[in-house]
Amino acid sequence: MPATFNHTIIAARDRNESARFFRELLEIQEAPSWGVFTNLQLHDGVLLQFAEPPVEIQMQHYAFLIDDELFDRAYERLSDRGIEHWADPQMRRPGEINDEHGGRGVYFKDPAGHAIELITRPYL
């Protein structure tokens, strides 16, 4: 069996708030949760597990490849909620999206301060 990505733990200040943020923004399915985890499951089966670590949260970067229709809906939600966003990872182009790599992309921060990227075309 080839290696595939199965799950990741995303540190959160409030695991339920972070899970709700991603679920609503990206239309992700809920998954059974247990113990210290609030879980969501992506279409390809990858599990996102939100947990509240007993240490200071270090920013991580998570990029989601989505289709154009979901990008439009997600971007509208970001804008409607007044969530600050940028066209670039250096945060020099506020309030914009990019059209790099033959698609569109946007960067913003989730409730725990992680750098989130939405793209409509893969880099490779």
N, C-alpha and C. Protein backbone atom coordinates (compact mmCIF):
# COMPACT_ATOMS: atom_id res chain seq x y z
N MET A 1 0.83 -1.17 0.00
CA MET A 1 0.00 0.00 0.00
C MET A 1 0.88 1.24 0.00
N PRO A 2 0.64 2.19 -0.90
CA PRO A 2 1.43 3.44 -0.89
C PRO A 2 1.04 4.29 0.31
N ALA A 3 1.94 5.17 0.71
CA ALA A 3 1.67 6.07 1.83
C ALA A 3 0.61 7.09 1.44
N THR A 4 -0.32 7.33 2.33
CA THR A 4 -1.33 8.38 2.15
C THR A 4 -1.42 9.16 3.44
N PHE A 5 -1.93 10.37 3.34
CA PHE A 5 -2.08 11.21 4.52
C PHE A 5 -3.36 10.83 5.22
N ASN A 6 -3.30 10.57 6.53
CA ASN A 6 -4.45 10.08 7.27
C ASN A 6 -5.08 11.12 8.20
N HIS A 7 -4.28 11.80 9.03
CA HIS A 7 -4.84 12.77 9.96
C HIS A 7 -3.76 13.74 10.45
N THR A 8 -4.23 14.84 11.00
CA THR A 8 -3.33 15.79 11.65
C THR A 8 -4.06 16.41 12.84
N ILE A 9 -3.29 16.82 13.84
CA ILE A 9 -3.86 17.50 15.00
C ILE A 9 -3.58 18.99 14.82
N ILE A 10 -4.63 19.78 14.91
CA ILE A 10 -4.51 21.23 14.79
C ILE A 10 -4.74 21.83 16.18
N ALA A 11 -3.71 22.49 16.69
CA ALA A 11 -3.80 23.12 18.01
C ALA A 11 -4.81 24.26 17.98
N ALA A 12 -5.63 24.34 19.01
CA ALA A 12 -6.68 25.35 19.07
C ALA A 12 -6.79 25.94 20.47
N ARG A 13 -7.18 27.19 20.55
CA ARG A 13 -7.48 27.79 21.86
C ARG A 13 -8.80 27.22 22.38
N ASP A 14 -9.75 27.05 21.45
CA ASP A 14 -11.05 26.45 21.74
C ASP A 14 -11.32 25.48 20.60
N ARG A 15 -11.18 24.20 20.87
CA ARG A 15 -11.27 23.19 19.80
C ARG A 15 -12.62 23.20 19.10
N ASN A 16 -13.69 23.44 19.82
CA ASN A 16 -15.01 23.46 19.20
C ASN A 16 -15.19 24.68 18.31
N GLU A 17 -14.69 25.83 18.75
CA GLU A 17 -14.76 27.04 17.94
C GLU A 17 -13.96 26.86 16.64
N SER A 18 -12.74 26.32 16.74
CA SER A 18 -11.92 26.13 15.54
C SER A 18 -12.56 25.13 14.59
N ALA A 19 -13.07 24.03 15.12
CA ALA A 19 -13.73 23.03 14.26
C ALA A 19 -14.95 23.65 13.57
N ARG A 20 -15.72 24.42 14.30
CA ARG A 20 -16.91 25.07 13.72
C ARG A 20 -16.49 26.05 12.61
N PHE A 21 -15.42 26.80 12.84
CA PHE A 21 -14.90 27.74 11.85
C PHE A 21 -14.60 27.03 10.53
N PHE A 22 -13.84 25.93 10.59
CA PHE A 22 -13.49 25.19 9.39
C PHE A 22 -14.71 24.50 8.78
N ARG A 23 -15.56 23.94 9.62
CA ARG A 23 -16.75 23.24 9.12
C ARG A 23 -17.64 24.18 8.33
N GLU A 24 -17.89 25.37 8.86
CA GLU A 24 -18.76 26.33 8.19
C GLU A 24 -18.09 26.96 6.98
N LEU A 25 -16.82 27.33 7.10
CA LEU A 25 -16.13 28.00 6.00
C LEU A 25 -15.94 27.08 4.80
N LEU A 26 -15.49 25.85 5.06
CA LEU A 26 -15.13 24.94 3.98
C LEU A 26 -16.13 23.81 3.76
N GLU A 27 -17.25 23.87 4.47
CA GLU A 27 -18.30 22.86 4.29
C GLU A 27 -17.76 21.45 4.50
N ILE A 28 -17.03 21.28 5.60
CA ILE A 28 -16.41 20.00 5.95
C ILE A 28 -17.36 19.20 6.83
N GLN A 29 -17.36 17.89 6.64
CA GLN A 29 -18.23 17.01 7.41
C GLN A 29 -17.71 16.81 8.84
N GLU A 30 -18.64 16.75 9.78
CA GLU A 30 -18.28 16.37 11.14
C GLU A 30 -17.91 14.90 11.15
N ALA A 31 -17.10 14.50 12.10
CA ALA A 31 -16.73 13.10 12.29
C ALA A 31 -16.87 12.79 13.77
N PRO A 32 -17.01 11.53 14.12
CA PRO A 32 -17.08 11.20 15.55
C PRO A 32 -15.87 11.76 16.29
N SER A 33 -16.12 12.39 17.42
CA SER A 33 -15.06 12.97 18.24
C SER A 33 -14.89 12.12 19.49
N TRP A 34 -13.69 12.14 20.05
CA TRP A 34 -13.42 11.36 21.26
C TRP A 34 -12.32 12.05 22.05
N GLY A 35 -12.31 11.77 23.33
CA GLY A 35 -11.27 12.29 24.20
C GLY A 35 -11.09 13.79 24.07
N VAL A 36 -9.86 14.20 23.83
CA VAL A 36 -9.52 15.62 23.76
C VAL A 36 -9.70 16.19 22.35
N PHE A 37 -10.25 15.41 21.41
CA PHE A 37 -10.33 15.83 20.02
C PHE A 37 -11.75 16.16 19.58
N THR A 38 -11.89 17.24 18.81
CA THR A 38 -13.09 17.53 18.03
C THR A 38 -12.67 17.31 16.59
N ASN A 39 -13.35 16.38 15.90
CA ASN A 39 -12.89 15.91 14.60
C ASN A 39 -13.78 16.35 13.44
N LEU A 40 -13.12 16.61 12.32
CA LEU A 40 -13.78 16.84 11.03
C LEU A 40 -13.13 15.92 10.02
N GLN A 41 -13.88 15.53 9.00
CA GLN A 41 -13.31 14.65 7.99
C GLN A 41 -13.44 15.27 6.61
N LEU A 42 -12.31 15.39 5.92
CA LEU A 42 -12.29 15.91 4.56
C LEU A 42 -12.85 14.87 3.60
N HIS A 43 -13.21 15.30 2.41
CA HIS A 43 -13.80 14.44 1.40
C HIS A 43 -12.95 13.20 1.09
N ASP A 44 -11.63 13.37 1.13
CA ASP A 44 -10.73 12.25 0.80
C ASP A 44 -10.45 11.34 2.00
N GLY A 45 -11.13 11.59 3.13
CA GLY A 45 -10.98 10.74 4.30
C GLY A 45 -10.00 11.25 5.34
N VAL A 46 -9.23 12.28 5.02
CA VAL A 46 -8.27 12.83 5.99
C VAL A 46 -9.03 13.42 7.17
N LEU A 47 -8.57 13.09 8.37
CA LEU A 47 -9.20 13.56 9.59
C LEU A 47 -8.45 14.77 10.13
N LEU A 48 -9.19 15.85 10.40
CA LEU A 48 -8.63 17.02 11.09
C LEU A 48 -9.07 16.91 12.54
N GLN A 49 -8.11 16.84 13.45
CA GLN A 49 -8.41 16.70 14.87
C GLN A 49 -7.99 17.97 15.60
N PHE A 50 -8.96 18.66 16.17
CA PHE A 50 -8.70 19.90 16.89
C PHE A 50 -8.56 19.60 18.37
N ALA A 51 -7.49 20.11 18.99
CA ALA A 51 -7.22 19.86 20.40
C ALA A 51 -6.65 21.12 21.03
N GLU A 52 -6.81 21.23 22.35
CA GLU A 52 -6.32 22.37 23.10
C GLU A 52 -5.06 21.94 23.86
N PRO A 53 -3.89 22.25 23.33
CA PRO A 53 -2.65 21.81 23.99
C PRO A 53 -2.39 22.63 25.27
N PRO A 54 -1.68 22.03 26.22
CA PRO A 54 -1.38 22.74 27.48
C PRO A 54 -0.17 23.66 27.36
N VAL A 55 0.19 24.03 26.13
CA VAL A 55 1.33 24.91 25.89
C VAL A 55 0.89 26.03 24.95
N GLU A 56 1.74 27.04 24.81
CA GLU A 56 1.44 28.13 23.89
C GLU A 56 1.38 27.58 22.46
N ILE A 57 0.41 28.02 21.71
CA ILE A 57 0.22 27.54 20.34
C ILE A 57 1.20 28.24 19.41
N GLN A 58 1.93 27.46 18.65
CA GLN A 58 2.82 27.98 17.62
C GLN A 58 2.07 27.97 16.29
N MET A 59 2.19 29.05 15.54
CA MET A 59 1.50 29.14 14.26
C MET A 59 1.99 28.05 13.30
N GLN A 60 1.05 27.44 12.63
CA GLN A 60 1.32 26.47 11.58
C GLN A 60 0.66 26.97 10.30
N HIS A 61 1.01 26.35 9.18
CA HIS A 61 0.40 26.70 7.90
C HIS A 61 -0.35 25.49 7.38
N TYR A 62 -1.61 25.71 7.00
CA TYR A 62 -2.44 24.65 6.42
C TYR A 62 -3.03 25.19 5.11
N ALA A 63 -2.85 24.44 4.03
CA ALA A 63 -3.37 24.84 2.72
C ALA A 63 -4.42 23.83 2.28
N PHE A 64 -5.54 24.34 1.78
CA PHE A 64 -6.63 23.49 1.31
C PHE A 64 -6.87 23.74 -0.17
N LEU A 65 -6.85 22.67 -0.94
CA LEU A 65 -7.16 22.71 -2.36
C LEU A 65 -8.67 22.52 -2.50
N ILE A 66 -9.35 23.51 -3.05
CA ILE A 66 -10.80 23.47 -3.19
C ILE A 66 -11.19 23.86 -4.61
N ASP A 67 -12.41 23.51 -5.02
CA ASP A 67 -12.84 23.87 -6.37
C ASP A 67 -13.29 25.34 -6.40
N ASP A 68 -13.49 25.84 -7.61
CA ASP A 68 -13.83 27.25 -7.79
C ASP A 68 -15.13 27.64 -7.10
N GLU A 69 -16.11 26.76 -7.12
CA GLU A 69 -17.40 27.07 -6.51
C GLU A 69 -17.28 27.21 -4.99
N LEU A 70 -16.56 26.28 -4.36
CA LEU A 70 -16.36 26.38 -2.92
C LEU A 70 -15.50 27.59 -2.59
N PHE A 71 -14.51 27.89 -3.41
CA PHE A 71 -13.69 29.08 -3.19
C PHE A 71 -14.58 30.32 -3.14
N ASP A 72 -15.49 30.44 -4.11
CA ASP A 72 -16.39 31.60 -4.14
C ASP A 72 -17.21 31.68 -2.85
N ARG A 73 -17.77 30.56 -2.41
CA ARG A 73 -18.59 30.56 -1.20
C ARG A 73 -17.74 30.87 0.04
N ALA A 74 -16.56 30.25 0.12
CA ALA A 74 -15.68 30.47 1.27
C ALA A 74 -15.20 31.92 1.31
N TYR A 75 -14.84 32.46 0.16
CA TYR A 75 -14.37 33.85 0.12
C TYR A 75 -15.49 34.81 0.52
N GLU A 76 -16.70 34.52 0.10
CA GLU A 76 -17.84 35.34 0.50
C GLU A 76 -18.03 35.28 2.02
N ARG A 77 -17.87 34.09 2.60
CA ARG A 77 -18.00 33.95 4.06
C ARG A 77 -16.91 34.75 4.78
N LEU A 78 -15.66 34.66 4.28
CA LEU A 78 -14.57 35.44 4.87
C LEU A 78 -14.91 36.93 4.84
N SER A 79 -15.34 37.39 3.69
CA SER A 79 -15.65 38.81 3.52
C SER A 79 -16.82 39.22 4.40
N ASP A 80 -17.88 38.42 4.40
CA ASP A 80 -19.07 38.74 5.21
C ASP A 80 -18.74 38.81 6.70
N ARG A 81 -17.81 37.99 7.15
CA ARG A 81 -17.43 37.96 8.57
C ARG A 81 -16.36 38.99 8.91
N GLY A 82 -15.89 39.70 7.90
CA GLY A 82 -14.87 40.71 8.13
C GLY A 82 -13.52 40.12 8.52
N ILE A 83 -13.24 38.92 8.06
CA ILE A 83 -11.96 38.27 8.39
C ILE A 83 -10.87 38.84 7.49
N GLU A 84 -9.85 39.36 8.12
CA GLU A 84 -8.72 39.94 7.38
C GLU A 84 -8.08 38.85 6.53
N HIS A 85 -7.77 39.20 5.28
CA HIS A 85 -7.17 38.22 4.37
C HIS A 85 -6.23 38.93 3.40
N TRP A 86 -5.37 38.11 2.78
CA TRP A 86 -4.34 38.65 1.91
C TRP A 86 -4.19 37.79 0.66
N ALA A 87 -3.63 38.38 -0.38
CA ALA A 87 -3.36 37.65 -1.61
C ALA A 87 -2.01 36.94 -1.55
N ASP A 88 -1.21 37.23 -0.53
CA ASP A 88 0.15 36.69 -0.45
C ASP A 88 0.48 36.26 0.97
N PRO A 89 1.41 35.30 1.10
CA PRO A 89 1.75 34.81 2.44
C PRO A 89 2.52 35.83 3.29
N GLN A 90 3.11 36.84 2.66
CA GLN A 90 3.82 37.88 3.41
C GLN A 90 2.86 38.93 3.97
N MET A 91 1.57 38.82 3.63
CA MET A 91 0.52 39.72 4.10
C MET A 91 0.76 41.17 3.67
N ARG A 92 1.21 41.34 2.42
CA ARG A 92 1.47 42.67 1.87
C ARG A 92 0.35 43.16 0.96
N ARG A 93 -0.59 42.26 0.63
CA ARG A 93 -1.69 42.62 -0.27
C ARG A 93 -3.02 42.35 0.42
N PRO A 94 -3.38 43.18 1.41
CA PRO A 94 -4.60 42.95 2.18
C PRO A 94 -5.86 43.13 1.34
N GLY A 95 -6.89 42.34 1.68
CA GLY A 95 -8.19 42.46 1.05
C GLY A 95 -8.24 41.97 -0.39
N GLU A 96 -7.21 41.23 -0.82
CA GLU A 96 -7.14 40.75 -2.20
C GLU A 96 -7.04 39.22 -2.24
N ILE A 97 -7.27 38.66 -3.42
CA ILE A 97 -6.95 37.27 -3.71
C ILE A 97 -5.90 37.27 -4.81
N ASN A 98 -5.25 36.14 -5.03
CA ASN A 98 -4.26 36.06 -6.10
C ASN A 98 -4.78 35.16 -7.23
N ASP A 99 -4.09 35.23 -8.36
CA ASP A 99 -4.45 34.38 -9.51
C ASP A 99 -3.21 33.62 -9.99
N GLU A 100 -2.43 33.15 -9.03
CA GLU A 100 -1.19 32.45 -9.35
C GLU A 100 -1.44 30.97 -9.63
N HIS A 101 -0.51 30.36 -10.34
CA HIS A 101 -0.54 28.92 -10.62
C HIS A 101 -1.77 28.50 -11.42
N GLY A 102 -2.34 29.43 -12.19
CA GLY A 102 -3.49 29.10 -13.01
C GLY A 102 -4.80 29.02 -12.26
N GLY A 103 -4.83 29.43 -11.02
CA GLY A 103 -6.05 29.40 -10.21
C GLY A 103 -6.14 30.63 -9.34
N ARG A 104 -6.87 30.52 -8.26
CA ARG A 104 -7.00 31.62 -7.31
C ARG A 104 -6.57 31.15 -5.93
N GLY A 105 -6.14 32.11 -5.11
CA GLY A 105 -5.72 31.78 -3.75
C GLY A 105 -5.93 32.94 -2.81
N VAL A 106 -6.03 32.60 -1.53
CA VAL A 106 -6.19 33.62 -0.49
C VAL A 106 -5.59 33.07 0.81
N TYR A 107 -5.07 33.98 1.63
CA TYR A 107 -4.48 33.64 2.92
C TYR A 107 -5.24 34.38 4.02
N PHE A 108 -5.38 33.74 5.18
CA PHE A 108 -6.03 34.35 6.33
C PHE A 108 -5.64 33.55 7.57
N LYS A 109 -6.06 34.00 8.73
CA LYS A 109 -5.75 33.28 9.97
C LYS A 109 -7.02 32.69 10.56
N ASP A 110 -6.88 31.50 11.14
CA ASP A 110 -8.02 30.84 11.79
C ASP A 110 -8.12 31.37 13.23
N PRO A 111 -9.13 30.93 14.01
CA PRO A 111 -9.29 31.45 15.37
C PRO A 111 -8.08 31.24 16.29
N ALA A 112 -7.24 30.25 16.01
CA ALA A 112 -6.06 30.01 16.85
C ALA A 112 -4.82 30.73 16.32
N GLY A 113 -4.94 31.44 15.20
CA GLY A 113 -3.81 32.19 14.65
C GLY A 113 -2.99 31.44 13.62
N HIS A 114 -3.45 30.27 13.18
CA HIS A 114 -2.74 29.54 12.14
C HIS A 114 -2.93 30.22 10.79
N ALA A 115 -1.92 30.14 9.94
CA ALA A 115 -1.98 30.71 8.60
C ALA A 115 -2.67 29.71 7.68
N ILE A 116 -3.82 30.08 7.16
CA ILE A 116 -4.62 29.20 6.31
C ILE A 116 -4.56 29.72 4.88
N GLU A 117 -4.43 28.80 3.94
CA GLU A 117 -4.38 29.14 2.53
C GLU A 117 -5.45 28.32 1.80
N LEU A 118 -6.21 28.99 0.96
CA LEU A 118 -7.16 28.30 0.08
C LEU A 118 -6.67 28.50 -1.35
N ILE A 119 -6.57 27.41 -2.10
CA ILE A 119 -6.16 27.49 -3.50
C ILE A 119 -7.10 26.66 -4.36
N THR A 120 -7.24 27.09 -5.62
CA THR A 120 -8.12 26.35 -6.54
C THR A 120 -7.34 25.49 -7.53
N ARG A 121 -6.03 25.62 -7.56
CA ARG A 121 -5.18 24.78 -8.43
C ARG A 121 -3.95 24.37 -7.63
N PRO A 122 -3.52 23.14 -7.76
CA PRO A 122 -2.31 22.72 -7.05
C PRO A 122 -1.08 23.42 -7.64
N TYR A 123 -0.05 23.56 -6.85
CA TYR A 123 1.18 24.21 -7.31
C TYR A 123 1.91 23.36 -8.35
N LEU A 124 1.78 22.06 -8.26
CA LEU A 124 2.47 21.18 -9.21
C LEU A 124 1.48 20.49 -10.11
